[in-house]
Amino acid sequence: QVQLVESGGGLVQPGGSLRLSCAASGRFFSSNAMGWYRQVPGKTRELVASITSSGGTNYGDSVKGRFTISRDNAKKTVSLQMNSLKPGDTAVYHCTGDLDPRKYYSGSYPAYWGQGTQVTVSS
């Protein structure tokens, strides 16, 4: 079992940056693939980025080159550095985890979800 708590959301102007953090609890954090999804009301959840237990990364097309995911297994944290933010990045961002990294490629959703943190990009 993994519990996830996000922090770092807020209001930022277009072109600005934010860094989201996710603190995890549970014995098997280092074995889990981790990722960030985002959701806008009325739309399906969108994969933003994922990272395997060994550090391999994958990004959604809309954020490639702007966002960077990283993890610190010793601290049980996952971070998402978001640069060059656009109004279209406005959403609730959820930290996620699953022992099976294929969940981030197969179209099915990972098992563990945090409550989410709001990111609003607006002038």
N, C-alpha and C. Protein backbone atom coordinates (compact mmCIF):
# COMPACT_ATOMS: atom_id res chain seq x y z
N GLN A 1 0.84 -1.19 0.00
CA GLN A 1 0.00 0.00 0.00
C GLN A 1 0.88 1.25 0.00
N VAL A 2 0.53 2.20 -0.84
CA VAL A 2 1.28 3.45 -0.93
C VAL A 2 0.30 4.60 -0.76
N GLN A 3 0.62 5.53 0.10
CA GLN A 3 -0.18 6.75 0.26
C GLN A 3 0.61 7.93 -0.26
N LEU A 4 -0.08 8.81 -0.96
CA LEU A 4 0.59 9.90 -1.68
C LEU A 4 -0.02 11.25 -1.30
N VAL A 5 0.84 12.24 -1.05
CA VAL A 5 0.39 13.58 -0.71
C VAL A 5 1.15 14.59 -1.56
N GLU A 6 0.39 15.36 -2.34
CA GLU A 6 1.01 16.35 -3.23
C GLU A 6 1.11 17.72 -2.56
N SER A 7 2.05 18.51 -3.05
CA SER A 7 2.17 19.90 -2.63
C SER A 7 2.82 20.70 -3.75
N GLY A 8 2.70 22.03 -3.66
CA GLY A 8 3.40 22.89 -4.60
C GLY A 8 2.55 23.54 -5.66
N GLY A 9 1.26 23.22 -5.70
CA GLY A 9 0.40 23.87 -6.69
C GLY A 9 0.16 25.33 -6.35
N GLY A 10 -0.50 26.02 -7.28
CA GLY A 10 -0.81 27.42 -7.05
C GLY A 10 -1.11 28.16 -8.33
N LEU A 11 -1.09 29.48 -8.24
CA LEU A 11 -1.37 30.35 -9.38
C LEU A 11 -0.05 30.89 -9.93
N VAL A 12 0.12 30.79 -11.24
CA VAL A 12 1.33 31.27 -11.88
C VAL A 12 0.97 31.92 -13.21
N GLN A 13 1.75 32.89 -13.61
CA GLN A 13 1.50 33.56 -14.89
C GLN A 13 2.02 32.71 -16.05
N PRO A 14 1.44 32.88 -17.22
CA PRO A 14 1.97 32.16 -18.39
C PRO A 14 3.46 32.42 -18.57
N GLY A 15 4.18 31.36 -18.89
CA GLY A 15 5.63 31.46 -19.03
C GLY A 15 6.38 31.20 -17.74
N GLY A 16 5.67 31.12 -16.65
CA GLY A 16 6.30 30.89 -15.35
C GLY A 16 6.57 29.43 -15.08
N SER A 17 7.06 29.17 -13.86
CA SER A 17 7.43 27.81 -13.46
C SER A 17 6.82 27.47 -12.11
N LEU A 18 6.59 26.18 -11.91
CA LEU A 18 6.17 25.63 -10.63
C LEU A 18 6.84 24.29 -10.46
N ARG A 19 7.02 23.92 -9.20
CA ARG A 19 7.55 22.59 -8.90
C ARG A 19 6.58 21.88 -7.98
N LEU A 20 6.06 20.77 -8.42
CA LEU A 20 5.17 19.95 -7.61
C LEU A 20 5.99 18.86 -6.92
N SER A 21 5.60 18.55 -5.70
CA SER A 21 6.25 17.47 -4.96
C SER A 21 5.20 16.49 -4.47
N CYS A 22 5.63 15.26 -4.32
CA CYS A 22 4.74 14.19 -3.84
C CYS A 22 5.51 13.39 -2.79
N ALA A 23 4.95 13.35 -1.59
CA ALA A 23 5.54 12.57 -0.50
C ALA A 23 4.79 11.25 -0.38
N ALA A 24 5.53 10.16 -0.38
CA ALA A 24 4.91 8.84 -0.34
C ALA A 24 5.23 8.13 0.97
N SER A 25 4.29 7.32 1.38
CA SER A 25 4.52 6.44 2.52
C SER A 25 4.26 5.02 2.07
N GLY A 26 4.87 4.07 2.73
CA GLY A 26 4.73 2.68 2.32
C GLY A 26 6.08 2.04 2.15
N ARG A 27 6.09 0.73 2.28
CA ARG A 27 7.36 0.00 2.31
C ARG A 27 7.98 -0.18 0.95
N PHE A 28 7.21 -0.15 -0.10
CA PHE A 28 7.72 -0.57 -1.40
C PHE A 28 7.80 0.58 -2.40
N PHE A 29 8.00 1.79 -1.89
CA PHE A 29 8.02 2.95 -2.78
C PHE A 29 9.04 2.77 -3.89
N SER A 30 10.24 2.33 -3.56
CA SER A 30 11.31 2.27 -4.56
C SER A 30 11.00 1.27 -5.66
N SER A 31 10.07 0.35 -5.42
CA SER A 31 9.71 -0.65 -6.43
C SER A 31 8.60 -0.17 -7.36
N ASN A 32 7.99 0.93 -7.01
CA ASN A 32 6.85 1.43 -7.78
C ASN A 32 7.28 2.34 -8.90
N ALA A 33 6.64 2.18 -10.03
CA ALA A 33 6.67 3.24 -11.02
C ALA A 33 5.78 4.37 -10.50
N MET A 34 6.17 5.59 -10.75
CA MET A 34 5.43 6.75 -10.26
C MET A 34 5.09 7.67 -11.44
N GLY A 35 4.09 8.50 -11.24
CA GLY A 35 3.73 9.40 -12.33
C GLY A 35 2.82 10.51 -11.88
N TRP A 36 2.59 11.42 -12.79
CA TRP A 36 1.66 12.53 -12.58
C TRP A 36 0.61 12.51 -13.68
N TYR A 37 -0.63 12.60 -13.25
CA TYR A 37 -1.76 12.80 -14.15
C TYR A 37 -2.36 14.17 -13.86
N ARG A 38 -3.06 14.70 -14.82
CA ARG A 38 -3.81 15.92 -14.57
C ARG A 38 -5.23 15.78 -15.10
N GLN A 39 -6.12 16.52 -14.48
CA GLN A 39 -7.52 16.42 -14.87
C GLN A 39 -8.19 17.78 -14.83
N VAL A 40 -8.96 18.04 -15.85
CA VAL A 40 -9.81 19.22 -15.95
C VAL A 40 -11.26 18.75 -15.90
N PRO A 41 -12.12 19.44 -15.17
CA PRO A 41 -13.53 19.01 -15.10
C PRO A 41 -14.14 18.81 -16.48
N GLY A 42 -14.78 17.66 -16.65
CA GLY A 42 -15.44 17.36 -17.91
C GLY A 42 -14.54 16.69 -18.94
N LYS A 43 -13.26 16.52 -18.60
CA LYS A 43 -12.32 15.88 -19.51
C LYS A 43 -11.71 14.65 -18.86
N THR A 44 -11.20 13.74 -19.67
CA THR A 44 -10.56 12.54 -19.13
C THR A 44 -9.20 12.88 -18.54
N ARG A 45 -8.76 12.04 -17.63
CA ARG A 45 -7.45 12.24 -17.03
C ARG A 45 -6.37 12.10 -18.08
N GLU A 46 -5.36 12.94 -17.99
CA GLU A 46 -4.27 12.96 -18.97
C GLU A 46 -2.95 12.63 -18.28
N LEU A 47 -2.22 11.68 -18.84
CA LEU A 47 -0.90 11.37 -18.31
C LEU A 47 0.04 12.52 -18.63
N VAL A 48 0.70 13.04 -17.60
CA VAL A 48 1.67 14.11 -17.78
C VAL A 48 3.07 13.54 -17.90
N ALA A 49 3.45 12.70 -16.95
CA ALA A 49 4.80 12.13 -16.95
C ALA A 49 4.82 10.91 -16.04
N SER A 50 5.74 9.99 -16.33
CA SER A 50 5.94 8.84 -15.47
C SER A 50 7.42 8.53 -15.37
N ILE A 51 7.77 7.80 -14.30
CA ILE A 51 9.16 7.42 -14.08
C ILE A 51 9.17 6.03 -13.48
N THR A 52 10.00 5.16 -14.03
CA THR A 52 10.07 3.79 -13.54
C THR A 52 10.91 3.73 -12.26
N SER A 53 10.94 2.57 -11.64
CA SER A 53 11.73 2.39 -10.43
C SER A 53 13.22 2.61 -10.69
N SER A 54 13.66 2.38 -11.92
CA SER A 54 15.07 2.56 -12.26
C SER A 54 15.38 3.92 -12.87
N GLY A 55 14.33 4.77 -13.00
CA GLY A 55 14.57 6.14 -13.45
C GLY A 55 14.23 6.44 -14.91
N GLY A 56 13.73 5.48 -15.63
CA GLY A 56 13.30 5.75 -16.99
C GLY A 56 12.07 6.63 -17.02
N THR A 57 12.05 7.61 -17.91
CA THR A 57 10.97 8.59 -17.93
C THR A 57 10.16 8.56 -19.22
N ASN A 58 8.93 9.03 -19.10
CA ASN A 58 8.02 9.12 -20.24
C ASN A 58 7.16 10.36 -20.03
N TYR A 59 6.89 11.10 -21.12
CA TYR A 59 6.13 12.34 -21.02
C TYR A 59 4.99 12.38 -22.02
N GLY A 60 3.92 13.07 -21.61
CA GLY A 60 2.86 13.34 -22.55
C GLY A 60 3.34 14.32 -23.62
N ASP A 61 2.80 14.22 -24.80
CA ASP A 61 3.26 15.05 -25.92
C ASP A 61 3.14 16.53 -25.62
N SER A 62 2.11 16.91 -24.87
CA SER A 62 1.86 18.33 -24.65
C SER A 62 2.85 18.97 -23.67
N VAL A 63 3.62 18.17 -22.95
CA VAL A 63 4.54 18.74 -21.96
C VAL A 63 6.00 18.43 -22.25
N LYS A 64 6.26 17.67 -23.29
CA LYS A 64 7.65 17.32 -23.62
C LYS A 64 8.49 18.57 -23.83
N GLY A 65 9.67 18.57 -23.21
CA GLY A 65 10.56 19.70 -23.34
C GLY A 65 10.30 20.81 -22.34
N ARG A 66 9.18 20.73 -21.63
CA ARG A 66 8.84 21.77 -20.64
C ARG A 66 8.81 21.24 -19.22
N PHE A 67 8.39 19.99 -19.04
CA PHE A 67 8.26 19.38 -17.72
C PHE A 67 9.34 18.33 -17.52
N THR A 68 9.75 18.17 -16.26
CA THR A 68 10.73 17.14 -15.91
C THR A 68 10.29 16.42 -14.65
N ILE A 69 10.22 15.10 -14.72
CA ILE A 69 9.87 14.30 -13.55
C ILE A 69 11.14 13.70 -12.96
N SER A 70 11.17 13.61 -11.64
CA SER A 70 12.32 13.01 -10.97
C SER A 70 11.84 12.33 -9.69
N ARG A 71 12.69 11.48 -9.13
CA ARG A 71 12.33 10.79 -7.91
C ARG A 71 13.55 10.66 -7.01
N ASP A 72 13.29 10.58 -5.72
CA ASP A 72 14.34 10.34 -4.73
C ASP A 72 13.85 9.19 -3.86
N ASN A 73 14.36 8.01 -4.13
CA ASN A 73 13.87 6.83 -3.42
C ASN A 73 14.21 6.87 -1.93
N ALA A 74 15.32 7.46 -1.57
CA ALA A 74 15.71 7.54 -0.16
C ALA A 74 14.73 8.41 0.63
N LYS A 75 14.25 9.48 0.00
CA LYS A 75 13.31 10.38 0.65
C LYS A 75 11.86 10.03 0.35
N LYS A 76 11.64 9.06 -0.54
CA LYS A 76 10.29 8.66 -0.95
C LYS A 76 9.52 9.85 -1.50
N THR A 77 10.13 10.54 -2.42
CA THR A 77 9.48 11.69 -3.04
C THR A 77 9.57 11.61 -4.56
N VAL A 78 8.58 12.21 -5.19
CA VAL A 78 8.56 12.37 -6.64
C VAL A 78 8.27 13.84 -6.92
N SER A 79 8.97 14.41 -7.87
CA SER A 79 8.79 15.82 -8.18
C SER A 79 8.47 16.01 -9.66
N LEU A 80 7.81 17.11 -9.93
CA LEU A 80 7.52 17.49 -11.31
C LEU A 80 7.87 18.97 -11.47
N GLN A 81 8.94 19.23 -12.19
CA GLN A 81 9.35 20.60 -12.49
C GLN A 81 8.64 21.04 -13.76
N MET A 82 7.88 22.12 -13.66
CA MET A 82 7.08 22.59 -14.79
C MET A 82 7.55 23.97 -15.20
N ASN A 83 8.05 24.08 -16.41
CA ASN A 83 8.54 25.35 -16.94
C ASN A 83 7.71 25.78 -18.14
N SER A 84 7.84 27.04 -18.49
CA SER A 84 7.12 27.59 -19.66
C SER A 84 5.64 27.23 -19.61
N LEU A 85 5.05 27.46 -18.48
CA LEU A 85 3.65 27.06 -18.28
C LEU A 85 2.71 27.86 -19.18
N LYS A 86 1.65 27.17 -19.60
CA LYS A 86 0.65 27.75 -20.49
C LYS A 86 -0.72 27.67 -19.82
N PRO A 87 -1.66 28.49 -20.23
CA PRO A 87 -3.02 28.38 -19.66
C PRO A 87 -3.60 26.98 -19.82
N GLY A 88 -3.25 26.30 -20.88
CA GLY A 88 -3.72 24.94 -21.11
C GLY A 88 -3.19 23.92 -20.11
N ASP A 89 -2.22 24.31 -19.30
CA ASP A 89 -1.70 23.41 -18.26
C ASP A 89 -2.54 23.48 -16.99
N THR A 90 -3.51 24.38 -16.95
CA THR A 90 -4.36 24.52 -15.78
C THR A 90 -5.15 23.23 -15.56
N ALA A 91 -5.02 22.67 -14.35
CA ALA A 91 -5.67 21.40 -14.03
C ALA A 91 -5.38 21.05 -12.58
N VAL A 92 -6.04 20.00 -12.11
CA VAL A 92 -5.65 19.38 -10.85
C VAL A 92 -4.62 18.30 -11.19
N TYR A 93 -3.49 18.36 -10.52
CA TYR A 93 -2.41 17.41 -10.78
C TYR A 93 -2.38 16.36 -9.67
N HIS A 94 -2.40 15.10 -10.09
CA HIS A 94 -2.40 13.98 -9.14
C HIS A 94 -1.10 13.21 -9.23
N CYS A 95 -0.52 12.91 -8.09
CA CYS A 95 0.61 12.00 -8.01
C CYS A 95 0.07 10.58 -7.98
N THR A 96 0.71 9.67 -8.70
CA THR A 96 0.22 8.30 -8.80
C THR A 96 1.37 7.31 -8.67
N GLY A 97 1.02 6.05 -8.39
CA GLY A 97 2.03 5.01 -8.30
C GLY A 97 1.45 3.64 -8.57
N ASP A 98 2.29 2.74 -9.06
CA ASP A 98 1.86 1.36 -9.30
C ASP A 98 3.10 0.47 -9.41
N LEU A 99 3.00 -0.74 -8.91
CA LEU A 99 4.10 -1.68 -9.04
C LEU A 99 4.33 -2.08 -10.50
N ASP A 100 3.30 -1.99 -11.32
CA ASP A 100 3.40 -2.38 -12.72
C ASP A 100 3.60 -1.14 -13.59
N PRO A 101 4.78 -0.91 -14.13
CA PRO A 101 5.02 0.28 -14.95
C PRO A 101 4.20 0.31 -16.23
N ARG A 102 3.69 -0.83 -16.65
CA ARG A 102 2.90 -0.87 -17.89
C ARG A 102 1.59 -0.09 -17.76
N LYS A 103 1.17 0.15 -16.50
CA LYS A 103 -0.04 0.94 -16.32
C LYS A 103 0.09 2.32 -16.95
N TYR A 104 1.31 2.81 -17.08
CA TYR A 104 1.53 4.15 -17.63
C TYR A 104 1.63 4.15 -19.16
N TYR A 105 1.55 2.97 -19.75
CA TYR A 105 1.65 2.87 -21.19
C TYR A 105 0.41 2.22 -21.81
N SER A 106 -0.35 1.52 -21.00
CA SER A 106 -1.40 0.65 -21.53
C SER A 106 -2.76 1.31 -21.64
N GLY A 107 -2.88 2.51 -21.09
CA GLY A 107 -4.20 3.15 -21.12
C GLY A 107 -5.03 2.87 -19.88
N SER A 108 -4.58 1.96 -19.03
CA SER A 108 -5.26 1.75 -17.75
C SER A 108 -4.61 2.64 -16.70
N TYR A 109 -5.28 2.81 -15.58
CA TYR A 109 -4.80 3.76 -14.59
C TYR A 109 -4.03 3.06 -13.47
N PRO A 110 -3.03 3.75 -12.90
CA PRO A 110 -2.28 3.16 -11.78
C PRO A 110 -3.16 3.00 -10.55
N ALA A 111 -2.68 2.20 -9.62
CA ALA A 111 -3.49 1.81 -8.47
C ALA A 111 -3.59 2.90 -7.41
N TYR A 112 -2.50 3.66 -7.21
CA TYR A 112 -2.45 4.60 -6.09
C TYR A 112 -2.53 6.04 -6.59
N TRP A 113 -3.36 6.83 -5.90
CA TRP A 113 -3.58 8.23 -6.30
C TRP A 113 -3.56 9.13 -5.07
N GLY A 114 -2.93 10.29 -5.22
CA GLY A 114 -3.06 11.32 -4.22
C GLY A 114 -4.31 12.15 -4.47
N GLN A 115 -4.62 13.04 -3.54
CA GLN A 115 -5.83 13.86 -3.63
C GLN A 115 -5.73 14.93 -4.70
N GLY A 116 -4.54 15.32 -5.06
CA GLY A 116 -4.36 16.29 -6.12
C GLY A 116 -4.05 17.68 -5.61
N THR A 117 -3.39 18.46 -6.45
CA THR A 117 -3.09 19.85 -6.15
C THR A 117 -3.42 20.69 -7.37
N GLN A 118 -4.05 21.84 -7.12
CA GLN A 118 -4.52 22.69 -8.23
C GLN A 118 -3.38 23.53 -8.78
N VAL A 119 -3.25 23.52 -10.09
CA VAL A 119 -2.32 24.40 -10.80
C VAL A 119 -3.15 25.29 -11.73
N THR A 120 -3.00 26.59 -11.57
CA THR A 120 -3.72 27.54 -12.40
C THR A 120 -2.72 28.46 -13.08
N VAL A 121 -2.77 28.49 -14.40
CA VAL A 121 -1.88 29.34 -15.18
C VAL A 121 -2.73 30.44 -15.81
N SER A 122 -2.55 31.65 -15.32
CA SER A 122 -3.38 32.75 -15.77
C SER A 122 -2.69 34.08 -15.50
N SER A 123 -2.95 35.04 -16.36
CA SER A 123 -2.43 36.38 -16.15
C SER A 123 -3.45 37.24 -15.42
